């Protein structure tokens, strides 16, 4: 029997939020993120070490018996909200959620333990745009080696091991040293994409690709909504603060009624997104109506996050158009997230099938 999802945060979840926010406040300011995007090393691996090793966040979804924290998707969602607020350039979603979920489906405890401890960064070699249930691009398997090319792989540049789906139905663990990773032009500089080329790369089969990738992409889509929520909430908060301080005609800009209406509309969208994202995280944790609630969250999240970024850019006026101001980081993350793990349209189509709501 289906139960009502619990959308409220527990005391433990709020304590986790506070700890992650404090860490990011100290180690992930906007100027530092922009500096990383301008360098040859877009990932902040020092910050990743603090999150993964220092706080144990890489193993949140891994049972304690397998070296993890034994938490749930609700706690992972809290972490992703805070990472979204900071646009943190770390491979948390790709390694601690996507690659980890794939390995949980496969039962590979040795590699799972390394990811949970933060000693190894993993990446699922499936294009970031791939929606749950969508056809997969695979590589050719033969004689224990893999051959082929996969594009649009998020955070491949930071990965130590890649989980690669092959045409024999298997999912293979491949050392990053055995493949060629070529950076692709990416709109979101804080989550870079790459082409992965395998030319006789040795791979170890860890399980069946279809169920593992399906589980990983479903969790990714559901928890991505929490990251998008963090992006939208941060933009709304910063924009309201700016409009209270910025004066025009000797009065705060935020006092003009037209802007009040725009902010009020955005606030309504953000609180609705909060409910949808929390419902998806709770569904992933409990297994109740998971496919439906994940599809609902992703059908709604992308337009809200993009709208929040566009409003923030416009309402910050000239300063918002500068490279030094971080609003462009949030706009790029929101736009990139809008096609990650399936577009809103793809999730609406999936949702229609799930609830038997056919088009006229």
Protein backbone atom coordinates (compact mmCIF):
# COMPACT_ATOMS: atom_id res chain seq x y z
CA UNK A 1 0.00 0.00 0.00
CA UNK A 2 1.40 3.39 -0.98
CA UNK A 3 2.23 5.86 1.81
CA UNK A 4 2.51 9.63 1.74
CA UNK A 5 6.10 10.79 1.16
CA UNK A 6 7.78 12.63 4.02
CA UNK A 7 8.92 15.93 2.54
CA UNK A 8 10.27 17.44 5.75
CA UNK A 9 13.94 17.29 6.65
CA UNK A 10 14.93 15.43 9.81
CA UNK A 11 17.25 16.92 12.43
CA UNK A 12 20.05 14.71 11.12
CA UNK A 13 19.50 15.93 7.55
CA UNK A 14 19.56 19.57 8.68
CA UNK A 15 22.76 18.92 10.62
CA UNK A 16 24.29 17.38 7.50
CA UNK A 17 23.21 20.41 5.47
CA UNK A 18 24.80 22.80 7.94
CA UNK A 19 28.08 20.86 7.96
CA UNK A 20 28.29 20.71 4.15
CA UNK A 21 27.35 24.39 3.78
CA UNK A 22 29.99 25.44 6.31
CA UNK A 23 32.65 23.44 4.45
CA UNK A 24 31.65 24.90 1.09
CA UNK A 25 31.56 28.43 2.52
CA UNK A 26 35.16 28.02 3.65
CA UNK A 27 36.54 26.14 0.63
CA UNK A 28 34.32 26.86 -2.40
CA UNK A 29 33.82 30.57 -2.95
CA UNK A 30 32.73 31.89 -6.33
CA UNK A 31 36.14 33.36 -7.17
CA UNK A 32 37.76 29.98 -6.56
CA UNK A 33 35.25 28.18 -8.77
CA UNK A 34 35.80 30.67 -11.59
CA UNK A 35 39.57 30.23 -11.22
CA UNK A 36 39.20 26.46 -11.59
CA UNK A 37 37.13 26.87 -14.77
CA UNK A 38 39.92 29.00 -16.23
CA UNK A 39 42.63 26.44 -15.44
CA UNK A 40 43.65 23.15 -16.99
CA UNK A 41 42.17 21.34 -13.96
CA UNK A 42 38.47 22.26 -13.74
CA UNK A 43 37.80 19.81 -10.90
CA UNK A 44 38.61 20.89 -7.34
CA UNK A 45 40.14 17.65 -6.10
CA UNK A 46 41.21 19.21 -2.80
CA UNK A 47 37.56 20.01 -2.07
CA UNK A 48 36.57 16.52 -3.22
CA UNK A 49 39.02 15.03 -0.72
CA UNK A 50 37.47 17.07 2.09
CA UNK A 51 33.96 15.97 1.12
CA UNK A 52 34.76 12.34 0.37
CA UNK A 53 37.52 11.52 2.82
CA UNK A 54 37.03 14.12 5.54
CA UNK A 55 33.22 13.93 5.77
CA UNK A 56 32.63 10.46 4.30
CA UNK A 57 30.07 11.75 1.80
CA UNK A 58 31.27 9.57 -1.09
CA UNK A 59 29.85 6.51 0.66
CA UNK A 60 26.45 7.83 1.71
CA UNK A 61 24.54 5.38 -0.50
CA UNK A 62 26.77 2.40 0.29
CA UNK A 63 25.75 0.02 3.13
CA UNK A 64 28.00 0.01 6.18
CA UNK A 65 28.88 -3.63 5.58
CA UNK A 66 30.45 -2.60 2.28
CA UNK A 67 32.45 0.28 3.71
CA UNK A 68 29.93 3.09 3.33
CA UNK A 69 27.78 5.26 5.57
CA UNK A 70 24.55 3.31 5.13
CA UNK A 71 22.49 6.45 4.54
CA UNK A 72 19.76 6.96 1.92
CA UNK A 73 18.99 9.07 -1.11
CA UNK A 74 17.43 11.66 1.21
CA UNK A 75 20.83 12.47 2.68
CA UNK A 76 22.46 12.42 -0.75
CA UNK A 77 19.81 14.89 -1.91
CA UNK A 78 20.72 17.28 0.90
CA UNK A 79 24.38 17.14 -0.15
CA UNK A 80 23.45 17.79 -3.79
CA UNK A 81 21.32 20.79 -2.83
CA UNK A 82 24.34 22.35 -1.14
CA UNK A 83 26.70 21.45 -3.99
CA UNK A 84 24.21 23.04 -6.39
CA UNK A 85 24.13 26.21 -4.27
CA UNK A 86 27.90 26.47 -4.58
CA UNK A 87 28.18 25.16 -8.17
CA UNK A 88 30.95 23.04 -6.70
CA UNK A 89 33.30 21.57 -9.35
CA UNK A 90 33.45 18.09 -7.80
CA UNK A 91 32.38 14.71 -9.25
CA UNK A 92 29.88 13.93 -6.50
CA UNK A 93 26.86 13.24 -8.70
CA UNK A 94 28.82 11.21 -11.23
CA UNK A 95 30.89 9.15 -8.76
CA UNK A 96 29.07 9.01 -5.42
CA UNK A 97 25.63 8.62 -7.04
CA UNK A 98 25.74 7.38 -10.64
CA UNK A 99 28.80 5.09 -10.60
CA UNK A 100 27.97 3.95 -7.06
CA UNK A 101 24.39 3.03 -7.95
CA UNK A 102 25.61 1.03 -10.95
CA UNK A 103 28.02 -0.92 -8.75
CA UNK A 104 25.35 -1.50 -6.11
CA UNK A 105 23.27 -3.17 -8.82
CA UNK A 106 26.26 -5.30 -9.82
CA UNK A 107 27.40 -6.21 -6.31
CA UNK A 108 31.09 -5.52 -6.92
CA UNK A 109 32.11 -4.94 -3.29
CA UNK A 110 35.82 -4.33 -3.85
CA UNK A 111 35.40 -1.44 -6.28
CA UNK A 112 32.36 -0.18 -4.39
CA UNK A 113 34.42 0.03 -1.22
CA UNK A 114 37.08 2.10 -2.98
CA UNK A 115 34.48 4.55 -4.27
CA UNK A 116 32.80 4.73 -0.86
CA UNK A 117 36.11 5.55 0.83
CA UNK A 118 36.79 8.32 -1.68
CA UNK A 119 40.07 6.71 -2.73
CA UNK A 120 38.75 6.14 -6.25
CA UNK A 121 36.60 8.35 -8.47
CA UNK A 122 34.26 6.49 -10.79
CA UNK A 123 32.32 7.55 -13.86
CA UNK A 124 29.65 5.72 -15.80
CA UNK A 125 30.62 5.89 -19.48
CA UNK A 126 27.12 6.83 -20.66
CA UNK A 127 26.42 10.22 -22.24
CA UNK A 128 25.20 12.81 -19.75
CA UNK A 129 22.14 13.44 -21.93
CA UNK A 130 20.90 9.83 -21.64
CA UNK A 131 17.51 9.45 -19.97
CA UNK A 132 16.54 6.42 -17.86
CA UNK A 133 15.37 3.67 -20.18
CA UNK A 134 16.84 5.29 -23.31
CA UNK A 135 18.92 3.19 -25.73
CA UNK A 136 22.59 2.98 -24.76
CA UNK A 137 25.67 3.45 -26.88
CA UNK A 138 28.02 0.56 -26.27
CA UNK A 139 31.55 -0.45 -27.21
CA UNK A 140 32.67 -3.69 -28.83
CA UNK A 141 33.84 -6.44 -26.50
CA UNK A 142 36.12 -9.26 -27.55
CA UNK A 143 38.94 -11.35 -26.09
CA UNK A 144 38.82 -9.45 -22.81
CA UNK A 145 39.37 -6.06 -24.44
CA UNK A 146 37.07 -3.20 -25.42
CA UNK A 147 37.03 -1.14 -28.60
CA UNK A 148 34.98 1.93 -29.42
CA UNK A 149 34.23 5.56 -28.65
CA UNK A 150 31.74 7.12 -26.26
CA UNK A 151 30.92 10.84 -26.16
CA UNK A 152 29.47 13.27 -23.65
CA UNK A 153 30.87 11.48 -20.59
CA UNK A 154 30.64 13.78 -17.57
CA UNK A 155 33.65 14.08 -15.25
CA UNK A 156 35.64 11.47 -17.20
CA UNK A 157 38.71 13.66 -16.81
CA UNK A 158 38.61 13.24 -13.03
CA UNK A 159 37.79 9.52 -13.01
CA UNK A 160 40.17 6.78 -11.95
CA UNK A 161 37.89 4.03 -13.26
CA UNK A 162 35.21 4.03 -15.95
CA UNK A 163 32.19 1.74 -16.01
CA UNK A 164 31.69 0.93 -19.69
CA UNK A 165 28.64 -0.81 -21.24
CA UNK A 166 29.57 -3.27 -23.99
CA UNK A 167 27.69 -4.93 -26.86
CA UNK A 168 27.75 -8.32 -25.08
CA UNK A 169 25.42 -6.96 -22.39
CA UNK A 170 28.13 -6.56 -19.78
CA UNK A 171 29.27 -3.59 -17.75
CA UNK A 172 33.06 -3.42 -17.55
CA UNK A 173 35.36 -1.63 -15.12
CA UNK A 174 38.19 -0.03 -17.09
CA UNK A 175 41.13 1.88 -15.65
CA UNK A 176 41.27 5.48 -16.82
CA UNK A 177 44.93 4.89 -17.69
CA UNK A 178 43.88 2.39 -20.37
CA UNK A 179 41.68 4.81 -22.33
CA UNK A 180 42.08 8.13 -24.11
CA UNK A 181 40.03 10.96 -22.61
CA UNK A 182 39.60 13.92 -24.94
CA UNK A 183 37.89 17.05 -23.51
CA UNK A 184 34.79 18.26 -25.34
CA UNK A 185 33.52 21.80 -25.45
CA UNK A 186 31.10 22.01 -22.54
CA UNK A 187 28.70 24.81 -21.65
CA UNK A 188 29.01 23.98 -17.94
CA UNK A 189 32.70 24.42 -17.17
CA UNK A 190 32.21 23.04 -13.65
CA UNK A 191 31.07 19.64 -14.98
CA UNK A 192 33.21 19.05 -18.06
CA UNK A 193 32.39 16.49 -20.71
CA UNK A 194 34.80 14.28 -22.62
CA UNK A 195 35.05 11.70 -25.36
CA UNK A 196 36.37 8.34 -24.16
CA UNK A 197 38.20 6.23 -26.74
CA UNK A 198 38.92 2.56 -26.05
CA UNK A 199 41.44 0.88 -28.34
CA UNK A 200 41.97 -2.60 -26.96
CA UNK A 201 41.46 -1.46 -23.35
CA UNK A 202 41.37 -4.33 -20.85
CA UNK A 203 38.13 -4.50 -18.91
CA UNK A 204 36.82 -6.51 -15.96
CA UNK A 205 33.16 -7.45 -16.17
CA UNK A 206 31.38 -6.32 -13.01
CA UNK A 207 27.80 -7.16 -13.97
CA UNK A 208 25.00 -6.78 -16.50
CA UNK A 209 24.81 -3.35 -18.09
CA UNK A 210 21.06 -2.92 -18.59
CA UNK A 211 19.85 -3.20 -14.97
CA UNK A 212 22.92 -1.42 -13.58
CA UNK A 213 22.70 1.53 -15.97
CA UNK A 214 18.93 1.73 -15.55
CA UNK A 215 19.24 1.94 -11.77
CA UNK A 216 22.06 4.48 -12.00
CA UNK A 217 20.25 6.79 -14.42
CA UNK A 218 17.02 6.69 -12.44
CA UNK A 219 18.84 7.73 -9.27
CA UNK A 220 20.76 10.37 -11.22
CA UNK A 221 17.61 11.91 -12.66
CA UNK A 222 15.84 11.89 -9.30
CA UNK A 223 18.71 13.42 -7.34
CA UNK A 224 19.64 15.89 -10.08
CA UNK A 225 16.40 17.66 -9.16
CA UNK A 226 17.91 18.42 -5.74
CA UNK A 227 20.97 19.95 -7.36
CA UNK A 228 18.69 22.04 -9.58
CA UNK A 229 16.77 23.08 -6.47
CA UNK A 230 20.00 24.24 -4.84
CA UNK A 231 20.85 26.27 -7.93
CA UNK A 232 17.40 27.89 -8.07
CA UNK A 233 17.22 28.67 -4.34
CA UNK A 234 20.66 30.27 -4.30
CA UNK A 235 19.83 32.43 -7.31
CA UNK A 236 16.53 33.56 -5.81
CA UNK A 237 18.14 34.40 -2.46
CA UNK A 238 21.01 36.34 -4.02
CA UNK A 239 18.72 38.22 -6.40
CA UNK A 240 16.36 39.30 -3.61
CA UNK A 241 19.35 40.47 -1.54
CA UNK A 242 20.77 42.43 -4.47
CA UNK A 243 17.45 44.14 -5.26
CA UNK A 244 17.12 45.22 -1.62
CA UNK A 245 20.56 46.85 -1.73
CA UNK A 246 20.58 48.31 -5.27
CA UNK A 247 18.93 51.73 -5.45
CA UNK A 248 17.42 53.61 -8.33
CA UNK A 249 15.56 56.93 -8.12
CA UNK A 250 16.60 56.97 -4.45
CA UNK A 251 14.70 53.79 -3.57
CA UNK A 252 15.56 50.06 -3.50
CA UNK A 253 15.05 48.47 -6.90
CA UNK A 254 13.22 45.60 -5.24
CA UNK A 255 10.47 48.00 -4.20
CA UNK A 256 9.17 48.35 -7.76
CA UNK A 257 5.97 46.38 -8.15
CA UNK A 258 6.86 44.79 -11.50
CA UNK A 259 9.97 43.24 -9.97
CA UNK A 260 8.06 42.12 -6.88
CA UNK A 261 5.68 40.20 -9.15
CA UNK A 262 8.54 38.50 -10.98
CA UNK A 263 10.20 37.46 -7.73
CA UNK A 264 6.92 36.24 -6.25
CA UNK A 265 6.30 34.06 -9.30
CA UNK A 266 9.82 32.67 -9.10
CA UNK A 267 9.40 31.95 -5.37
CA UNK A 268 6.25 29.93 -6.09
CA UNK A 269 8.11 27.91 -8.70
CA UNK A 270 11.05 27.24 -6.38
CA UNK A 271 8.93 26.04 -3.46
CA UNK A 272 7.05 23.73 -5.83
CA UNK A 273 10.37 22.40 -7.09
CA UNK A 274 11.43 21.81 -3.48
CA UNK A 275 8.39 19.57 -2.97
CA UNK A 276 9.01 17.67 -6.22
CA UNK A 277 12.72 17.15 -5.50
CA UNK A 278 12.08 16.00 -1.94
CA UNK A 279 9.39 13.59 -3.13
CA UNK A 280 11.79 12.09 -5.68
CA UNK A 281 14.54 11.65 -3.07
CA UNK A 282 12.12 10.06 -0.62
CA UNK A 283 10.79 7.75 -3.34
CA UNK A 284 14.31 6.60 -4.21
CA UNK A 285 14.94 5.91 -0.54
CA UNK A 286 11.69 4.02 0.09
CA UNK A 287 10.94 2.48 -3.31
CA UNK A 288 7.42 3.94 -3.32
CA UNK A 289 6.21 5.17 -6.76
CA UNK A 290 9.83 5.82 -7.69
CA UNK A 291 9.53 5.99 -11.47
CA UNK A 292 6.55 8.33 -11.34
CA UNK A 293 8.00 10.74 -8.77
CA UNK A 294 11.40 10.86 -10.48
CA UNK A 295 9.70 11.69 -13.79
CA UNK A 296 7.56 14.38 -12.11
CA UNK A 297 10.62 15.97 -10.51
CA UNK A 298 12.63 16.08 -13.72
CA UNK A 299 9.67 17.25 -15.80
CA UNK A 300 9.46 20.28 -13.51
CA UNK A 301 13.01 20.94 -12.33
CA UNK A 302 14.78 22.07 -15.48
CA UNK A 303 12.39 24.89 -16.49
CA UNK A 304 12.43 26.29 -12.94
CA UNK A 305 16.22 26.26 -12.58
CA UNK A 306 16.68 27.85 -16.01
CA UNK A 307 14.01 30.47 -15.26
CA UNK A 308 15.70 31.31 -11.95
CA UNK A 309 19.04 31.74 -13.71
CA UNK A 310 17.58 33.91 -16.46
CA UNK A 311 15.79 36.14 -13.94
CA UNK A 312 18.93 36.44 -11.83
CA UNK A 313 20.98 37.45 -14.87
CA UNK A 314 18.47 40.08 -15.95
CA UNK A 315 17.74 41.49 -12.49
CA UNK A 316 21.41 41.82 -11.61
CA UNK A 317 21.56 44.10 -14.67
CA UNK A 318 25.02 45.09 -15.93
CA UNK A 319 27.00 43.43 -13.15
CA UNK A 320 25.32 40.11 -13.94
CA UNK A 321 26.83 40.18 -17.42
CA UNK A 322 30.41 40.24 -16.12
CA UNK A 323 32.68 37.19 -15.90
CA UNK A 324 33.66 38.10 -12.34
CA UNK A 325 30.08 37.78 -11.08
CA UNK A 326 29.14 34.10 -10.53
CA UNK A 327 25.65 34.25 -12.04
CA UNK A 328 27.00 32.92 -15.35
CA UNK A 329 28.18 29.74 -13.56
CA UNK A 330 24.64 29.10 -12.36
CA UNK A 331 23.08 29.84 -15.74
CA UNK A 332 25.44 27.38 -17.45
CA UNK A 333 24.84 24.72 -14.81
CA UNK A 334 21.05 25.17 -15.09
CA UNK A 335 21.13 24.97 -18.90
CA UNK A 336 23.42 21.92 -18.89
CA UNK A 337 21.29 20.21 -16.23
CA UNK A 338 18.21 20.82 -18.35
CA UNK A 339 19.38 18.14 -20.81
CA UNK A 340 21.19 15.92 -18.30
CA UNK A 341 19.67 12.46 -17.75
CA UNK A 342 16.79 13.30 -20.06
CA UNK A 343 15.07 16.55 -20.98
CA UNK A 344 11.90 17.73 -19.28
CA UNK A 345 10.01 16.70 -22.42
CA UNK A 346 11.44 13.19 -22.30
CA UNK A 347 10.37 12.83 -18.68
CA UNK A 348 6.88 14.16 -19.42
CA UNK A 349 6.56 11.55 -22.16
CA UNK A 350 7.73 8.84 -19.76
CA UNK A 351 5.33 10.09 -17.09
CA UNK A 352 2.38 9.93 -19.48
CA UNK A 353 3.09 6.26 -20.10
CA UNK A 354 3.56 5.51 -16.41
CA UNK A 355 0.18 6.96 -15.42
CA UNK A 356 -1.58 5.83 -18.60
CA UNK A 357 -2.27 9.37 -19.78
CA UNK A 358 -2.20 9.09 -23.54
CA UNK A 359 -1.92 12.02 -25.90
CA UNK A 360 -5.14 13.00 -27.77
